[in-house]
């Protein structure tokens, strides 16, 4: 579903602040894979997602999505194929619009829009069923403004919006990092539920090593813009946090000890 071939990205080239963030990185995701990505601060994780989403282009290399070259495709043209949930629960939704209106916007992503009634009765039934599956009681609050929701409710709604059209690729950028532990666990459970039910190809960044091991069928570790560990299947299920810590210590020569990852 996704192929990245020898991607490189450097910011502030030819200046004193030059920083090579992605270093000759190649990555291949099969259809339906759920891949968790871990790494210290500055490893290039979020940059990787931004390159895939088209926020900025790679300096060299190519990106293919479902066989289509998207390396130079603008961000807005990729949007219909991608679902994305950010770390900040305030992003991804329109606070001053109702829950139903937000879902209607997501439902029409990539479609031609005209001057017809915003949310039809048929659509309302679809949205209510989807909201009911979240188990948060939002199906009875369709007319509530999204800005009135809690951070966890809003992030769950954003996740639903990102997957409403079953994207070819779902990008999750530390989407539970700003939530309290109990709420984060609930959103992760919903993530697993939605990804499994729709067989979505998913790339999830996390700083939490337990989450990286628990969720998904493949785990990738990044360091200084490179993939330094890639494990899946039974080998992944046998992993423990201590195994990942040892990997980091080897490649970083102990320099990651102060990284916030160790606090996870």
C-alpha atoms as a PDB file:
ATOM      1  CA  UNK A   1       0.000   0.000   0.000  1.00  0.00           C
ATOM      2  CA  UNK A   2       2.861   2.384   0.775  1.00  0.00           C
ATOM      3  CA  UNK A   3       6.378   2.507  -0.644  1.00  0.00           C
ATOM      4  CA  UNK A   4       9.043   5.013   0.353  1.00  0.00           C
ATOM      5  CA  UNK A   5      12.243   4.658  -1.635  1.00  0.00           C
ATOM      6  CA  UNK A   6      15.484   6.248  -0.394  1.00  0.00           C
ATOM      7  CA  UNK A   7      13.859   9.338   1.095  1.00  0.00           C
ATOM      8  CA  UNK A   8      16.040  12.213   2.294  1.00  0.00           C
ATOM      9  CA  UNK A   9      14.980  15.450   3.968  1.00  0.00           C
ATOM     10  CA  UNK A  10      17.175  18.275   5.261  1.00  0.00           C
ATOM     11  CA  UNK A  11      15.890  21.488   6.801  1.00  0.00           C
ATOM     12  CA  UNK A  12      17.675  24.868   6.572  1.00  0.00           C
ATOM     13  CA  UNK A  13      20.113  23.637   3.944  1.00  0.00           C
ATOM     14  CA  UNK A  14      23.402  25.509   3.556  1.00  0.00           C
ATOM     15  CA  UNK A  15      22.925  27.423   6.820  1.00  0.00           C
ATOM     16  CA  UNK A  16      24.396  27.068  10.301  1.00  0.00           C
ATOM     17  CA  UNK A  17      21.083  25.493  11.347  1.00  0.00           C
ATOM     18  CA  UNK A  18      21.183  22.754   8.721  1.00  0.00           C
ATOM     19  CA  UNK A  19      19.589  19.561  10.034  1.00  0.00           C
ATOM     20  CA  UNK A  20      19.267  16.293   8.160  1.00  0.00           C
ATOM     21  CA  UNK A  21      16.085  14.763   9.555  1.00  0.00           C
ATOM     22  CA  UNK A  22      15.441  11.815   7.220  1.00  0.00           C
ATOM     23  CA  UNK A  23      18.465   9.895   6.026  1.00  0.00           C
ATOM     24  CA  UNK A  24      18.144   7.583   2.986  1.00  0.00           C
ATOM     25  CA  UNK A  25      15.020   5.941   4.416  1.00  0.00           C
ATOM     26  CA  UNK A  26      13.116   3.171   2.626  1.00  0.00           C
ATOM     27  CA  UNK A  27       9.882   1.723   3.998  1.00  0.00           C
ATOM     28  CA  UNK A  28       7.258  -0.647   2.610  1.00  0.00           C
ATOM     29  CA  UNK A  29       3.821  -1.244   4.141  1.00  0.00           C
ATOM     30  CA  UNK A  30       1.568  -4.074   3.034  1.00  0.00           C
ATOM     31  CA  UNK A  31      -2.174  -3.548   2.741  1.00  0.00           C
ATOM     32  CA  UNK A  32      -3.795  -3.881   6.161  1.00  0.00           C
ATOM     33  CA  UNK A  33      -0.589  -3.624   8.206  1.00  0.00           C
ATOM     34  CA  UNK A  34      -0.774  -1.754  11.516  1.00  0.00           C
ATOM     35  CA  UNK A  35       2.734  -0.390  12.135  1.00  0.00           C
ATOM     36  CA  UNK A  36       3.813   1.378  15.328  1.00  0.00           C
ATOM     37  CA  UNK A  37       6.791   3.754  15.122  1.00  0.00           C
ATOM     38  CA  UNK A  38       8.978   4.648  18.093  1.00  0.00           C
ATOM     39  CA  UNK A  39      12.102   6.738  18.507  1.00  0.00           C
ATOM     40  CA  UNK A  40      13.596   9.515  20.595  1.00  0.00           C
ATOM     41  CA  UNK A  41      13.033  13.230  20.101  1.00  0.00           C
ATOM     42  CA  UNK A  42      14.457  14.285  16.746  1.00  0.00           C
ATOM     43  CA  UNK A  43      14.442  10.748  15.332  1.00  0.00           C
ATOM     44  CA  UNK A  44      12.369  11.909  12.354  1.00  0.00           C
ATOM     45  CA  UNK A  45       9.048  10.252  13.196  1.00  0.00           C
ATOM     46  CA  UNK A  46       6.724  13.233  12.673  1.00  0.00           C
ATOM     47  CA  UNK A  47       8.755  14.380   9.673  1.00  0.00           C
ATOM     48  CA  UNK A  48       8.155  10.957   8.131  1.00  0.00           C
ATOM     49  CA  UNK A  49       4.385  11.385   8.497  1.00  0.00           C
ATOM     50  CA  UNK A  50       4.539  14.942   7.148  1.00  0.00           C
ATOM     51  CA  UNK A  51       6.411  13.746   4.064  1.00  0.00           C
ATOM     52  CA  UNK A  52       3.797  11.070   3.433  1.00  0.00           C
ATOM     53  CA  UNK A  53       0.971  13.576   3.972  1.00  0.00           C
ATOM     54  CA  UNK A  54       2.572  16.100   1.618  1.00  0.00           C
ATOM     55  CA  UNK A  55       3.153  18.860   4.164  1.00  0.00           C
ATOM     56  CA  UNK A  56       6.513  19.262   2.445  1.00  0.00           C
ATOM     57  CA  UNK A  57       8.302  17.289  -0.285  1.00  0.00           C
ATOM     58  CA  UNK A  58      11.358  15.077   0.162  1.00  0.00           C
ATOM     59  CA  UNK A  59      14.696  16.368  -1.153  1.00  0.00           C
ATOM     60  CA  UNK A  60      15.295  13.060  -2.940  1.00  0.00           C
ATOM     61  CA  UNK A  61      13.522   9.735  -3.230  1.00  0.00           C
ATOM     62  CA  UNK A  62       9.998   8.674  -4.147  1.00  0.00           C
ATOM     63  CA  UNK A  63       6.689   7.933  -2.418  1.00  0.00           C
ATOM     64  CA  UNK A  64       4.032   5.599  -3.840  1.00  0.00           C
ATOM     65  CA  UNK A  65       0.572   5.057  -2.359  1.00  0.00           C
ATOM     66  CA  UNK A  66      -1.368   2.056  -3.645  1.00  0.00           C
ATOM     67  CA  UNK A  67       0.866   2.032  -6.739  1.00  0.00           C
ATOM     68  CA  UNK A  68       0.377   5.736  -7.504  1.00  0.00           C
ATOM     69  CA  UNK A  69       3.357   8.109  -7.398  1.00  0.00           C
ATOM     70  CA  UNK A  70       2.482  10.908  -4.956  1.00  0.00           C
ATOM     71  CA  UNK A  71       5.979  12.318  -4.369  1.00  0.00           C
ATOM     72  CA  UNK A  72       5.119  15.680  -5.917  1.00  0.00           C
ATOM     73  CA  UNK A  73       1.362  15.601  -5.324  1.00  0.00           C
ATOM     74  CA  UNK A  74       0.109  18.621  -3.281  1.00  0.00           C
ATOM     75  CA  UNK A  75      -1.169  17.987   0.210  1.00  0.00           C
ATOM     76  CA  UNK A  76      -4.805  18.790  -0.638  1.00  0.00           C
ATOM     77  CA  UNK A  77      -4.823  16.219  -3.468  1.00  0.00           C
ATOM     78  CA  UNK A  78      -3.514  13.487  -1.160  1.00  0.00           C
ATOM     79  CA  UNK A  79      -6.069  14.289   1.527  1.00  0.00           C
ATOM     80  CA  UNK A  80      -8.838  12.167  -0.017  1.00  0.00           C
ATOM     81  CA  UNK A  81      -6.621   9.078   0.286  1.00  0.00           C
ATOM     82  CA  UNK A  82      -5.309   9.726   3.799  1.00  0.00           C
ATOM     83  CA  UNK A  83      -6.755   9.893   7.285  1.00  0.00           C
ATOM     84  CA  UNK A  84      -4.767  11.712   9.955  1.00  0.00           C
ATOM     85  CA  UNK A  85      -5.111  12.287  13.691  1.00  0.00           C
ATOM     86  CA  UNK A  86      -2.764  14.716  15.436  1.00  0.00           C
ATOM     87  CA  UNK A  87      -1.441  14.883  18.987  1.00  0.00           C
ATOM     88  CA  UNK A  88      -3.512  17.975  19.814  1.00  0.00           C
ATOM     89  CA  UNK A  89      -7.205  17.048  20.341  1.00  0.00           C
ATOM     90  CA  UNK A  90      -8.121  20.569  19.193  1.00  0.00           C
ATOM     91  CA  UNK A  91      -6.911  19.825  15.665  1.00  0.00           C
ATOM     92  CA  UNK A  92      -8.951  17.866  13.143  1.00  0.00           C
ATOM     93  CA  UNK A  93     -12.350  19.226  14.172  1.00  0.00           C
ATOM     94  CA  UNK A  94     -14.208  22.533  13.899  1.00  0.00           C
ATOM     95  CA  UNK A  95     -14.997  23.641  17.466  1.00  0.00           C
ATOM     96  CA  UNK A  96     -17.856  26.000  16.551  1.00  0.00           C
ATOM     97  CA  UNK A  97     -19.679  23.417  14.453  1.00  0.00           C
ATOM     98  CA  UNK A  98     -21.970  20.619  15.650  1.00  0.00           C
ATOM     99  CA  UNK A  99     -20.842  16.980  15.900  1.00  0.00           C
ATOM    100  CA  UNK A 100     -23.111  16.071  12.972  1.00  0.00           C
ATOM    101  CA  UNK A 101     -21.742  18.920  10.855  1.00  0.00           C
ATOM    102  CA  UNK A 102     -18.161  17.844  11.533  1.00  0.00           C
ATOM    103  CA  UNK A 103     -18.985  14.300  10.480  1.00  0.00           C
ATOM    104  CA  UNK A 104     -20.677  15.611   7.341  1.00  0.00           C
ATOM    105  CA  UNK A 105     -17.483  17.424   6.354  1.00  0.00           C
ATOM    106  CA  UNK A 106     -15.485  14.219   6.816  1.00  0.00           C
ATOM    107  CA  UNK A 107     -18.113  12.189   4.943  1.00  0.00           C
ATOM    108  CA  UNK A 108     -17.732  14.473   1.911  1.00  0.00           C
ATOM    109  CA  UNK A 109     -13.940  14.460   1.845  1.00  0.00           C
ATOM    110  CA  UNK A 110     -12.719  14.107  -1.720  1.00  0.00           C
ATOM    111  CA  UNK A 111     -16.254  14.460  -3.131  1.00  0.00           C
ATOM    112  CA  UNK A 112     -17.760  17.256  -5.205  1.00  0.00           C
ATOM    113  CA  UNK A 113     -19.839  19.535  -2.990  1.00  0.00           C
ATOM    114  CA  UNK A 114     -22.921  21.442  -4.063  1.00  0.00           C
ATOM    115  CA  UNK A 115     -25.562  23.759  -2.585  1.00  0.00           C
ATOM    116  CA  UNK A 116     -27.791  21.113  -1.051  1.00  0.00           C
ATOM    117  CA  UNK A 117     -28.924  20.458   2.514  1.00  0.00           C
ATOM    118  CA  UNK A 118     -25.898  19.933   4.748  1.00  0.00           C
ATOM    119  CA  UNK A 119     -26.835  16.791   6.687  1.00  0.00           C
ATOM    120  CA  UNK A 120     -29.559  14.508   5.352  1.00  0.00           C
ATOM    121  CA  UNK A 121     -31.703  12.248   7.559  1.00  0.00           C
ATOM    122  CA  UNK A 122     -30.072   9.199   5.985  1.00  0.00           C
ATOM    123  CA  UNK A 123     -26.647  10.524   6.888  1.00  0.00           C
ATOM    124  CA  UNK A 124     -27.761  11.241  10.449  1.00  0.00           C
ATOM    125  CA  UNK A 125     -28.584   7.552  10.886  1.00  0.00           C
ATOM    126  CA  UNK A 126     -25.132   6.585   9.602  1.00  0.00           C
ATOM    127  CA  UNK A 127     -23.442   9.037  11.957  1.00  0.00           C
ATOM    128  CA  UNK A 128     -25.497   7.888  14.943  1.00  0.00           C
ATOM    129  CA  UNK A 129     -24.515   4.266  14.324  1.00  0.00           C
ATOM    130  CA  UNK A 130     -20.826   5.195  14.022  1.00  0.00           C
ATOM    131  CA  UNK A 131     -20.967   7.343  17.158  1.00  0.00           C
ATOM    132  CA  UNK A 132     -22.758   4.594  19.063  1.00  0.00           C
ATOM    133  CA  UNK A 133     -19.839   2.257  18.309  1.00  0.00           C
ATOM    134  CA  UNK A 134     -17.534   4.642  20.189  1.00  0.00           C
ATOM    135  CA  UNK A 135     -19.427   3.962  23.411  1.00  0.00           C
ATOM    136  CA  UNK A 136     -19.093   7.562  24.603  1.00  0.00           C
ATOM    137  CA  UNK A 137     -22.734   8.633  24.403  1.00  0.00           C
ATOM    138  CA  UNK A 138     -22.071  11.075  21.561  1.00  0.00           C
ATOM    139  CA  UNK A 139     -24.896   9.613  19.448  1.00  0.00           C
ATOM    140  CA  UNK A 140     -27.353  11.526  21.644  1.00  0.00           C
ATOM    141  CA  UNK A 141     -25.442  14.800  21.261  1.00  0.00           C
ATOM    142  CA  UNK A 142     -25.368  15.223  17.489  1.00  0.00           C
ATOM    143  CA  UNK A 143     -26.350  18.883  17.744  1.00  0.00           C
ATOM    144  CA  UNK A 144     -23.746  19.734  20.422  1.00  0.00           C
ATOM    145  CA  UNK A 145     -20.837  21.997  19.517  1.00  0.00           C
ATOM    146  CA  UNK A 146     -17.578  20.054  19.296  1.00  0.00           C
ATOM    147  CA  UNK A 147     -15.854  22.700  21.417  1.00  0.00           C
ATOM    148  CA  UNK A 148     -17.931  21.532  24.401  1.00  0.00           C
ATOM    149  CA  UNK A 149     -16.503  18.002  24.296  1.00  0.00           C
ATOM    150  CA  UNK A 150     -13.702  16.723  26.518  1.00  0.00           C
ATOM    151  CA  UNK A 151     -10.266  16.109  25.020  1.00  0.00           C
ATOM    152  CA  UNK A 152     -10.844  12.353  24.870  1.00  0.00           C
ATOM    153  CA  UNK A 153     -14.291  12.687  23.283  1.00  0.00           C
ATOM    154  CA  UNK A 154     -12.919  15.126  20.730  1.00  0.00           C
ATOM    155  CA  UNK A 155      -9.990  12.874  19.865  1.00  0.00           C
ATOM    156  CA  UNK A 156     -12.318   9.882  19.474  1.00  0.00           C
ATOM    157  CA  UNK A 157     -14.494  11.982  17.155  1.00  0.00           C
ATOM    158  CA  UNK A 158     -11.422  13.030  15.156  1.00  0.00           C
ATOM    159  CA  UNK A 159     -10.437   9.370  14.810  1.00  0.00           C
ATOM    160  CA  UNK A 160     -13.929   8.545  13.564  1.00  0.00           C
ATOM    161  CA  UNK A 161     -13.811  11.435  11.075  1.00  0.00           C
ATOM    162  CA  UNK A 162     -10.387  10.347   9.807  1.00  0.00           C
ATOM    163  CA  UNK A 163     -11.667   6.833   9.080  1.00  0.00           C
ATOM    164  CA  UNK A 164     -15.219   7.585   7.942  1.00  0.00           C
ATOM    165  CA  UNK A 165     -14.262   7.235   4.272  1.00  0.00           C
ATOM    166  CA  UNK A 166     -11.918   4.294   4.934  1.00  0.00           C
ATOM    167  CA  UNK A 167      -8.664   5.943   3.807  1.00  0.00           C
ATOM    168  CA  UNK A 168      -5.947   4.024   2.006  1.00  0.00           C
ATOM    169  CA  UNK A 169      -3.575   5.006   4.790  1.00  0.00           C
ATOM    170  CA  UNK A 170      -4.260   6.152   8.362  1.00  0.00           C
ATOM    171  CA  UNK A 171      -1.588   8.345   9.985  1.00  0.00           C
ATOM    172  CA  UNK A 172      -1.640   8.657  13.780  1.00  0.00           C
ATOM    173  CA  UNK A 173       0.849  11.194  15.145  1.00  0.00           C
ATOM    174  CA  UNK A 174       1.048  10.493  18.909  1.00  0.00           C
ATOM    175  CA  UNK A 175      -2.725  10.863  18.955  1.00  0.00           C
ATOM    176  CA  UNK A 176      -3.063   9.901  22.642  1.00  0.00           C
ATOM    177  CA  UNK A 177      -0.043  11.766  24.057  1.00  0.00           C
ATOM    178  CA  UNK A 178      -2.097  14.741  25.298  1.00  0.00           C
ATOM    179  CA  UNK A 179      -4.714  12.588  27.050  1.00  0.00           C
ATOM    180  CA  UNK A 180      -4.778  11.223  30.593  1.00  0.00           C
ATOM    181  CA  UNK A 181      -3.785   7.516  30.861  1.00  0.00           C
ATOM    182  CA  UNK A 182      -7.331   6.114  31.165  1.00  0.00           C
ATOM    183  CA  UNK A 183      -8.657   8.201  28.282  1.00  0.00           C
ATOM    184  CA  UNK A 184      -5.592   7.392  26.181  1.00  0.00           C
ATOM    185  CA  UNK A 185      -6.182   3.673  26.717  1.00  0.00           C
ATOM    186  CA  UNK A 186      -9.822   4.023  25.628  1.00  0.00           C
ATOM    187  CA  UNK A 187      -8.862   5.914  22.452  1.00  0.00           C
ATOM    188  CA  UNK A 188      -6.229   3.267  21.663  1.00  0.00           C
ATOM    189  CA  UNK A 189      -8.819   0.525  22.094  1.00  0.00           C
ATOM    190  CA  UNK A 190     -11.116   2.386  19.694  1.00  0.00           C
ATOM    191  CA  UNK A 191      -8.201   2.762  17.291  1.00  0.00           C
ATOM    192  CA  UNK A 192      -7.563  -0.990  17.329  1.00  0.00           C
ATOM    193  CA  UNK A 193     -11.279  -1.650  16.895  1.00  0.00           C
ATOM    194  CA  UNK A 194     -11.689   0.673  13.894  1.00  0.00           C
ATOM    195  CA  UNK A 195      -8.442  -0.392  12.201  1.00  0.00           C
ATOM    196  CA  UNK A 196      -9.275  -4.101  12.557  1.00  0.00           C
ATOM    197  CA  UNK A 197     -12.906  -3.741  11.464  1.00  0.00           C
ATOM    198  CA  UNK A 198     -11.935  -1.894   8.275  1.00  0.00           C
ATOM    199  CA  UNK A 199      -8.552  -3.584   7.643  1.00  0.00           C
ATOM    200  CA  UNK A 200      -6.911  -0.157   7.433  1.00  0.00           C
ATOM    201  CA  UNK A 201      -3.227   0.259   6.644  1.00  0.00           C
ATOM    202  CA  UNK A 202      -1.999   2.283   9.613  1.00  0.00           C
ATOM    203  CA  UNK A 203       1.168   4.070  10.707  1.00  0.00           C
ATOM    204  CA  UNK A 204       1.075   5.082  14.392  1.00  0.00           C
ATOM    205  CA  UNK A 205       3.776   7.140  16.103  1.00  0.00           C
ATOM    206  CA  UNK A 206       4.110   6.769  19.849  1.00  0.00           C
ATOM    207  CA  UNK A 207       6.632   7.574  22.567  1.00  0.00           C
ATOM    208  CA  UNK A 208       5.152   4.878  24.768  1.00  0.00           C
ATOM    209  CA  UNK A 209       7.054   1.616  24.323  1.00  0.00           C
ATOM    210  CA  UNK A 210       4.330  -0.466  25.983  1.00  0.00           C
ATOM    211  CA  UNK A 211       1.790   0.858  23.488  1.00  0.00           C
ATOM    212  CA  UNK A 212       4.168   0.206  20.597  1.00  0.00           C
ATOM    213  CA  UNK A 213       4.470  -3.430  21.656  1.00  0.00           C
ATOM    214  CA  UNK A 214       0.802  -3.946  22.551  1.00  0.00           C
ATOM    215  CA  UNK A 215      -0.762  -2.500  19.412  1.00  0.00           C
ATOM    216  CA  UNK A 216      -0.246  -3.308  15.751  1.00  0.00           C
ATOM    217  CA  UNK A 217       1.383  -6.261  14.025  1.00  0.00           C
ATOM    218  CA  UNK A 218       4.704  -4.571  13.226  1.00  0.00           C
ATOM    219  CA  UNK A 219       7.078  -2.255  15.100  1.00  0.00           C
ATOM    220  CA  UNK A 220       9.645   0.133  13.652  1.00  0.00           C
ATOM    221  CA  UNK A 221      12.320   1.959  15.636  1.00  0.00           C
ATOM    222  CA  UNK A 222      13.868   5.158  14.244  1.00  0.00           C
ATOM    223  CA  UNK A 223      17.076   6.943  15.169  1.00  0.00           C
ATOM    224  CA  UNK A 224      18.616   9.984  13.448  1.00  0.00           C
ATOM    225  CA  UNK A 225      16.323   9.689  10.447  1.00  0.00           C
ATOM    226  CA  UNK A 226      16.909   5.997   9.852  1.00  0.00           C
ATOM    227  CA  UNK A 227      15.045   2.789  10.600  1.00  0.00           C
ATOM    228  CA  UNK A 228      17.315   0.829  12.904  1.00  0.00           C
ATOM    229  CA  UNK A 229      14.909  -1.940  13.958  1.00  0.00           C
ATOM    230  CA  UNK A 230      11.952  -3.530  12.167  1.00  0.00           C
ATOM    231  CA  UNK A 231      10.095  -6.454  13.732  1.00  0.00           C
ATOM    232  CA  UNK A 232       6.709  -8.077  13.122  1.00  0.00           C
ATOM    233  CA  UNK A 233       4.559 -11.110  13.817  1.00  0.00           C
ATOM    234  CA  UNK A 234       5.578 -13.531  16.539  1.00  0.00           C
ATOM    235  CA  UNK A 235       8.922 -11.791  17.106  1.00  0.00           C
ATOM    236  CA  UNK A 236       7.070  -8.570  17.924  1.00  0.00           C
ATOM    237  CA  UNK A 237       4.671 -10.301  20.299  1.00  0.00           C
ATOM    238  CA  UNK A 238       7.639 -11.623  22.300  1.00  0.00           C
ATOM    239  CA  UNK A 239       9.185  -8.165  22.739  1.00  0.00           C
ATOM    240  CA  UNK A 240       9.481  -6.508  26.121  1.00  0.00           C
ATOM    241  CA  UNK A 241      10.258  -2.901  27.010  1.00  0.00           C
ATOM    242  CA  UNK A 242      13.721  -3.923  28.202  1.00  0.00           C
ATOM    243  CA  UNK A 243      14.485  -5.276  24.713  1.00  0.00           C
ATOM    244  CA  UNK A 244      13.677  -1.901  23.155  1.00  0.00           C
ATOM    245  CA  UNK A 245      15.699  -0.049  25.788  1.00  0.00           C
ATOM    246  CA  UNK A 246      18.719  -2.183  24.982  1.00  0.00           C
ATOM    247  CA  UNK A 247      18.324  -1.445  21.266  1.00  0.00           C
ATOM    248  CA  UNK A 248      18.265   2.287  21.944  1.00  0.00           C
ATOM    249  CA  UNK A 249      21.259   2.112  24.214  1.00  0.00           C
ATOM    250  CA  UNK A 250      23.279   0.310  21.551  1.00  0.00           C
ATOM    251  CA  UNK A 251      22.541   2.766  18.714  1.00  0.00           C
ATOM    252  CA  UNK A 252      22.559   5.941  20.804  1.00  0.00           C
ATOM    253  CA  UNK A 253      25.508   4.970  22.975  1.00  0.00           C
ATOM    254  CA  UNK A 254      23.429   5.905  26.016  1.00  0.00           C
ATOM    255  CA  UNK A 255      22.670   9.451  24.849  1.00  0.00           C
ATOM    256  CA  UNK A 256      18.903   8.905  24.885  1.00  0.00           C
ATOM    257  CA  UNK A 257      18.783   8.478  28.668  1.00  0.00           C
ATOM    258  CA  UNK A 258      17.269  11.937  29.202  1.00  0.00           C
ATOM    259  CA  UNK A 259      14.691  11.544  26.442  1.00  0.00           C
ATOM    260  CA  UNK A 260      11.077  11.652  27.573  1.00  0.00           C
ATOM    261  CA  UNK A 261      10.591   8.191  26.046  1.00  0.00           C
ATOM    262  CA  UNK A 262      12.216   6.646  29.093  1.00  0.00           C
ATOM    263  CA  UNK A 263       9.467   8.213  31.210  1.00  0.00           C
ATOM    264  CA  UNK A 264       6.908   6.150  29.308  1.00  0.00           C
END
